[in-house]
């Protein structure tokens, strides 16, 4: 189904009608893009990282693992 438009009384496009599959595909694409932006923001704002093995050792010594 090709993209359809709803127009006002002047013929100006005001809304878009999409096939549900296309809508869902665009929704998923947007969510992936938002996730990528969140990751980029988190990496940029990160102060420092602790090595996985160090965390694992600490949890073991505290009896939490």
PDB file of N, CA and C in Angstrom:
ATOM      1  N   UNK A   1       0.856  -1.181   0.000  1.00  0.00           N
ATOM      2  CA  UNK A   1       0.000   0.000   0.000  1.00  0.00           C
ATOM      3  C   UNK A   1       0.899   1.242   0.000  1.00  0.00           C
ATOM      4  N   UNK A   2       0.754   2.079  -0.947  1.00  0.00           N
ATOM      5  CA  UNK A   2       1.560   3.307  -0.969  1.00  0.00           C
ATOM      6  C   UNK A   2       1.117   4.256   0.143  1.00  0.00           C
ATOM      7  N   UNK A   3       2.020   5.123   0.547  1.00  0.00           N
ATOM      8  CA  UNK A   3       1.705   6.107   1.583  1.00  0.00           C
ATOM      9  C   UNK A   3       0.595   7.032   1.086  1.00  0.00           C
ATOM     10  N   UNK A   4      -0.367   7.260   1.951  1.00  0.00           N
ATOM     11  CA  UNK A   4      -1.480   8.140   1.614  1.00  0.00           C
ATOM     12  C   UNK A   4      -1.461   9.353   2.535  1.00  0.00           C
ATOM     13  N   UNK A   5      -1.981  10.445   2.047  1.00  0.00           N
ATOM     14  CA  UNK A   5      -2.013  11.680   2.822  1.00  0.00           C
ATOM     15  C   UNK A   5      -3.453  12.139   2.996  1.00  0.00           C
ATOM     16  N   UNK A   6      -3.698  12.779   4.118  1.00  0.00           N
ATOM     17  CA  UNK A   6      -4.971  13.448   4.356  1.00  0.00           C
ATOM     18  C   UNK A   6      -4.678  14.937   4.247  1.00  0.00           C
ATOM     19  N   UNK A   7      -5.505  15.616   3.494  1.00  0.00           N
ATOM     20  CA  UNK A   7      -5.272  17.038   3.260  1.00  0.00           C
ATOM     21  C   UNK A   7      -6.406  17.868   3.859  1.00  0.00           C
ATOM     22  N   UNK A   8      -6.085  19.134   4.147  1.00  0.00           N
ATOM     23  CA  UNK A   8      -7.125  20.034   4.643  1.00  0.00           C
ATOM     24  C   UNK A   8      -7.882  20.643   3.459  1.00  0.00           C
ATOM     25  N   UNK A   9      -8.752  21.582   3.754  1.00  0.00           N
ATOM     26  CA  UNK A   9      -9.583  22.167   2.700  1.00  0.00           C
ATOM     27  C   UNK A   9      -8.788  22.958   1.660  1.00  0.00           C
ATOM     28  N   UNK A  10      -7.550  23.305   1.984  1.00  0.00           N
ATOM     29  CA  UNK A  10      -6.695  24.020   1.030  1.00  0.00           C
ATOM     30  C   UNK A  10      -5.788  23.077   0.238  1.00  0.00           C
ATOM     31  N   UNK A  11      -5.886  21.796   0.549  1.00  0.00           N
ATOM     32  CA  UNK A  11      -5.048  20.823  -0.147  1.00  0.00           C
ATOM     33  C   UNK A  11      -3.693  20.614   0.517  1.00  0.00           C
ATOM     34  N   UNK A  12      -3.499  21.209   1.686  1.00  0.00           N
ATOM     35  CA  UNK A  12      -2.239  21.062   2.417  1.00  0.00           C
ATOM     36  C   UNK A  12      -2.236  19.717   3.149  1.00  0.00           C
ATOM     37  N   UNK A  13      -1.148  18.960   2.991  1.00  0.00           N
ATOM     38  CA  UNK A  13      -1.032  17.663   3.666  1.00  0.00           C
ATOM     39  C   UNK A  13      -0.955  17.893   5.172  1.00  0.00           C
ATOM     40  N   UNK A  14      -1.835  17.216   5.907  1.00  0.00           N
ATOM     41  CA  UNK A  14      -1.878  17.389   7.356  1.00  0.00           C
ATOM     42  C   UNK A  14      -1.638  16.089   8.121  1.00  0.00           C
ATOM     43  N   UNK A  15      -1.868  14.962   7.480  1.00  0.00           N
ATOM     44  CA  UNK A  15      -1.705  13.661   8.129  1.00  0.00           C
ATOM     45  C   UNK A  15      -1.211  12.640   7.113  1.00  0.00           C
ATOM     46  N   UNK A  16      -0.647  11.553   7.654  1.00  0.00           N
ATOM     47  CA  UNK A  16      -0.144  10.473   6.803  1.00  0.00           C
ATOM     48  C   UNK A  16      -0.837   9.181   7.196  1.00  0.00           C
ATOM     49  N   UNK A  17      -1.225   8.383   6.231  1.00  0.00           N
ATOM     50  CA  UNK A  17      -1.803   7.075   6.472  1.00  0.00           C
ATOM     51  C   UNK A  17      -0.776   6.046   6.006  1.00  0.00           C
ATOM     52  N   UNK A  18      -0.323   5.209   6.952  1.00  0.00           N
ATOM     53  CA  UNK A  18       0.672   4.188   6.636  1.00  0.00           C
ATOM     54  C   UNK A  18       0.092   2.802   6.814  1.00  0.00           C
ATOM     55  N   UNK A  19       0.627   1.871   6.079  1.00  0.00           N
ATOM     56  CA  UNK A  19       0.321   0.467   6.285  1.00  0.00           C
ATOM     57  C   UNK A  19       0.838   0.095   7.676  1.00  0.00           C
ATOM     58  N   UNK A  20       0.123  -0.752   8.405  1.00  0.00           N
ATOM     59  CA  UNK A  20       0.499  -1.084   9.783  1.00  0.00           C
ATOM     60  C   UNK A  20       1.899  -1.702   9.845  1.00  0.00           C
ATOM     61  N   UNK A  21       2.274  -2.496   8.853  1.00  0.00           N
ATOM     62  CA  UNK A  21       3.620  -3.081   8.834  1.00  0.00           C
ATOM     63  C   UNK A  21       4.682  -1.990   8.718  1.00  0.00           C
ATOM     64  N   UNK A  22       4.436  -1.021   7.875  1.00  0.00           N
ATOM     65  CA  UNK A  22       5.375   0.086   7.705  1.00  0.00           C
ATOM     66  C   UNK A  22       5.448   0.924   8.981  1.00  0.00           C
ATOM     67  N   UNK A  23       4.309   1.152   9.614  1.00  0.00           N
ATOM     68  CA  UNK A  23       4.274   1.899  10.867  1.00  0.00           C
ATOM     69  C   UNK A  23       5.104   1.199  11.938  1.00  0.00           C
ATOM     70  N   UNK A  24       4.911  -0.112  12.091  1.00  0.00           N
ATOM     71  CA  UNK A  24       5.662  -0.881  13.092  1.00  0.00           C
ATOM     72  C   UNK A  24       7.152  -0.880  12.774  1.00  0.00           C
ATOM     73  N   UNK A  25       7.503  -0.970  11.491  1.00  0.00           N
ATOM     74  CA  UNK A  25       8.907  -0.951  11.099  1.00  0.00           C
ATOM     75  C   UNK A  25       9.540   0.390  11.468  1.00  0.00           C
ATOM     76  N   UNK A  26       8.822   1.463  11.211  1.00  0.00           N
ATOM     77  CA  UNK A  26       9.325   2.795  11.559  1.00  0.00           C
ATOM     78  C   UNK A  26       9.434   2.979  13.071  1.00  0.00           C
ATOM     79  N   UNK A  27       8.482   2.411  13.793  1.00  0.00           N
ATOM     80  CA  UNK A  27       8.503   2.485  15.250  1.00  0.00           C
ATOM     81  C   UNK A  27       9.737   1.771  15.804  1.00  0.00           C
ATOM     82  N   UNK A  28      10.022   0.577  15.303  1.00  0.00           N
ATOM     83  CA  UNK A  28      11.193  -0.176  15.737  1.00  0.00           C
ATOM     84  C   UNK A  28      12.483   0.568  15.398  1.00  0.00           C
ATOM     85  N   UNK A  29      12.534   1.141  14.210  1.00  0.00           N
ATOM     86  CA  UNK A  29      13.706   1.903  13.786  1.00  0.00           C
ATOM     87  C   UNK A  29      13.937   3.097  14.717  1.00  0.00           C
ATOM     88  N   UNK A  30      12.885   3.774  15.075  1.00  0.00           N
ATOM     89  CA  UNK A  30      12.980   4.914  15.986  1.00  0.00           C
ATOM     90  C   UNK A  30      13.464   4.467  17.368  1.00  0.00           C
ATOM     91  N   UNK A  31      12.949   3.352  17.862  1.00  0.00           N
ATOM     92  CA  UNK A  31      13.381   2.837  19.163  1.00  0.00           C
ATOM     93  C   UNK A  31      14.867   2.487  19.147  1.00  0.00           C
ATOM     94  N   UNK A  32      15.337   1.876  18.057  1.00  0.00           N
ATOM     95  CA  UNK A  32      16.756   1.541  17.938  1.00  0.00           C
ATOM     96  C   UNK A  32      17.598   2.820  17.916  1.00  0.00           C
ATOM     97  N   UNK A  33      17.140   3.825  17.218  1.00  0.00           N
ATOM     98  CA  UNK A  33      17.847   5.095  17.152  1.00  0.00           C
ATOM     99  C   UNK A  33      17.914   5.744  18.537  1.00  0.00           C
ATOM    100  N   UNK A  34      16.792   5.721  19.264  1.00  0.00           N
ATOM    101  CA  UNK A  34      16.767   6.281  20.607  1.00  0.00           C
ATOM    102  C   UNK A  34      17.725   5.539  21.527  1.00  0.00           C
ATOM    103  N   UNK A  35      17.776   4.202  21.408  1.00  0.00           N
ATOM    104  CA  UNK A  35      18.704   3.404  22.207  1.00  0.00           C
ATOM    105  C   UNK A  35      20.145   3.784  21.894  1.00  0.00           C
ATOM    106  N   UNK A  36      20.450   3.978  20.618  1.00  0.00           N
ATOM    107  CA  UNK A  36      21.804   4.360  20.217  1.00  0.00           C
ATOM    108  C   UNK A  36      22.170   5.724  20.799  1.00  0.00           C
ATOM    109  N   UNK A  37      21.233   6.660  20.793  1.00  0.00           N
ATOM    110  CA  UNK A  37      21.488   7.979  21.379  1.00  0.00           C
ATOM    111  C   UNK A  37      21.695   7.889  22.892  1.00  0.00           C
ATOM    112  N   UNK A  38      20.904   7.049  23.561  1.00  0.00           N
ATOM    113  CA  UNK A  38      21.063   6.862  25.005  1.00  0.00           C
ATOM    114  C   UNK A  38      22.427   6.274  25.329  1.00  0.00           C
ATOM    115  N   UNK A  39      22.862   5.299  24.539  1.00  0.00           N
ATOM    116  CA  UNK A  39      24.168   4.686  24.742  1.00  0.00           C
ATOM    117  C   UNK A  39      25.280   5.712  24.542  1.00  0.00           C
ATOM    118  N   UNK A  40      25.175   6.494  23.491  1.00  0.00           N
ATOM    119  CA  UNK A  40      26.177   7.522  23.209  1.00  0.00           C
ATOM    120  C   UNK A  40      26.253   8.518  24.367  1.00  0.00           C
ATOM    121  N   UNK A  41      25.102   8.905  24.891  1.00  0.00           N
ATOM    122  CA  UNK A  41      25.044   9.841  26.013  1.00  0.00           C
ATOM    123  C   UNK A  41      25.664   9.220  27.267  1.00  0.00           C
ATOM    124  N   UNK A  42      25.371   7.949  27.526  1.00  0.00           N
ATOM    125  CA  UNK A  42      25.914   7.270  28.701  1.00  0.00           C
ATOM    126  C   UNK A  42      27.428   7.145  28.612  1.00  0.00           C
ATOM    127  N   UNK A  43      27.925   6.814  27.431  1.00  0.00           N
ATOM    128  CA  UNK A  43      29.367   6.678  27.249  1.00  0.00           C
ATOM    129  C   UNK A  43      30.055   8.028  27.435  1.00  0.00           C
ATOM    130  N   UNK A  44      29.458   9.052  26.888  1.00  0.00           N
ATOM    131  CA  UNK A  44      30.046  10.392  26.986  1.00  0.00           C
ATOM    132  C   UNK A  44      30.098  10.871  28.436  1.00  0.00           C
ATOM    133  N   UNK A  45      29.081  10.546  29.208  1.00  0.00           N
ATOM    134  CA  UNK A  45      29.002  11.015  30.588  1.00  0.00           C
ATOM    135  C   UNK A  45      29.658  10.097  31.603  1.00  0.00           C
ATOM    136  N   UNK A  46      30.166   8.952  31.163  1.00  0.00           N
ATOM    137  CA  UNK A  46      30.756   7.987  32.090  1.00  0.00           C
ATOM    138  C   UNK A  46      32.058   8.545  32.674  1.00  0.00           C
ATOM    139  N   UNK A  47      32.201   8.402  33.956  1.00  0.00           N
ATOM    140  CA  UNK A  47      33.389   8.894  34.649  1.00  0.00           C
ATOM    141  C   UNK A  47      34.511   7.864  34.608  1.00  0.00           C
ATOM    142  N   UNK A  48      34.167   6.627  34.827  1.00  0.00           N
ATOM    143  CA  UNK A  48      35.176   5.574  34.857  1.00  0.00           C
ATOM    144  C   UNK A  48      34.504   4.221  34.924  1.00  0.00           C
ATOM    145  N   UNK A  49      35.241   3.227  34.578  1.00  0.00           N
ATOM    146  CA  UNK A  49      34.691   1.882  34.567  1.00  0.00           C
ATOM    147  C   UNK A  49      35.525   0.983  35.464  1.00  0.00           C
ATOM    148  N   UNK A  50      34.870   0.014  36.071  1.00  0.00           N
ATOM    149  CA  UNK A  50      35.554  -0.979  36.873  1.00  0.00           C
ATOM    150  C   UNK A  50      35.586  -2.273  36.070  1.00  0.00           C
ATOM    151  N   UNK A  51      36.745  -2.887  36.035  1.00  0.00           N
ATOM    152  CA  UNK A  51      36.925  -4.125  35.291  1.00  0.00           C
ATOM    153  C   UNK A  51      35.979  -5.208  35.815  1.00  0.00           C
ATOM    154  N   UNK A  52      35.457  -6.008  34.921  1.00  0.00           N
ATOM    155  CA  UNK A  52      34.507  -7.065  35.282  1.00  0.00           C
ATOM    156  C   UNK A  52      35.104  -8.010  36.314  1.00  0.00           C
ATOM    157  N   UNK A  53      36.356  -8.420  36.111  1.00  0.00           N
ATOM    158  CA  UNK A  53      36.993  -9.360  37.038  1.00  0.00           C
ATOM    159  C   UNK A  53      37.134  -8.747  38.432  1.00  0.00           C
ATOM    160  N   UNK A  54      37.405  -7.456  38.490  1.00  0.00           N
ATOM    161  CA  UNK A  54      37.515  -6.779  39.781  1.00  0.00           C
ATOM    162  C   UNK A  54      36.173  -6.782  40.509  1.00  0.00           C
ATOM    163  N   UNK A  55      35.117  -6.505  39.789  1.00  0.00           N
ATOM    164  CA  UNK A  55      33.776  -6.525  40.395  1.00  0.00           C
ATOM    165  C   UNK A  55      33.436  -7.928  40.855  1.00  0.00           C
ATOM    166  N   UNK A  56      33.738  -8.900  40.021  1.00  0.00           N
ATOM    167  CA  UNK A  56      33.457 -10.301  40.359  1.00  0.00           C
ATOM    168  C   UNK A  56      34.214 -10.715  41.627  1.00  0.00           C
ATOM    169  N   UNK A  57      35.479 -10.355  41.714  1.00  0.00           N
ATOM    170  CA  UNK A  57      36.286 -10.681  42.893  1.00  0.00           C
ATOM    171  C   UNK A  57      35.725 -10.013  44.144  1.00  0.00           C
ATOM    172  N   UNK A  58      35.333  -8.756  44.011  1.00  0.00           N
ATOM    173  CA  UNK A  58      34.777  -8.015  45.139  1.00  0.00           C
ATOM    174  C   UNK A  58      33.476  -8.660  45.619  1.00  0.00           C
ATOM    175  N   UNK A  59      32.615  -9.028  44.680  1.00  0.00           N
ATOM    176  CA  UNK A  59      31.349  -9.674  45.056  1.00  0.00           C
ATOM    177  C   UNK A  59      31.598 -11.016  45.735  1.00  0.00           C
ATOM    178  N   UNK A  60      32.574 -11.765  45.260  1.00  0.00           N
ATOM    179  CA  UNK A  60      32.914 -13.059  45.883  1.00  0.00           C
ATOM    180  C   UNK A  60      33.404 -12.848  47.301  1.00  0.00           C
ATOM    181  N   UNK A  61      34.283 -11.850  47.496  1.00  0.00           N
ATOM    182  CA  UNK A  61      34.828 -11.609  48.843  1.00  0.00           C
ATOM    183  C   UNK A  61      33.748 -11.117  49.807  1.00  0.00           C
ATOM    184  N   UNK A  62      32.717 -10.490  49.279  1.00  0.00           N
ATOM    185  CA  UNK A  62      31.608 -10.017  50.116  1.00  0.00           C
ATOM    186  C   UNK A  62      30.540 -11.092  50.297  1.00  0.00           C
ATOM    187  N   UNK A  63      30.752 -12.257  49.677  1.00  0.00           N
ATOM    188  CA  UNK A  63      29.793 -13.365  49.791  1.00  0.00           C
ATOM    189  C   UNK A  63      28.512 -13.153  49.006  1.00  0.00           C
ATOM    190  N   UNK A  64      28.564 -12.290  48.027  1.00  0.00           N
ATOM    191  CA  UNK A  64      27.370 -12.005  47.235  1.00  0.00           C
ATOM    192  C   UNK A  64      27.354 -12.775  45.923  1.00  0.00           C
ATOM    193  N   UNK A  65      28.404 -13.535  45.702  1.00  0.00           N
ATOM    194  CA  UNK A  65      28.453 -14.303  44.452  1.00  0.00           C
ATOM    195  C   UNK A  65      28.975 -15.688  44.723  1.00  0.00           C
TER     196      UNK A  65
END
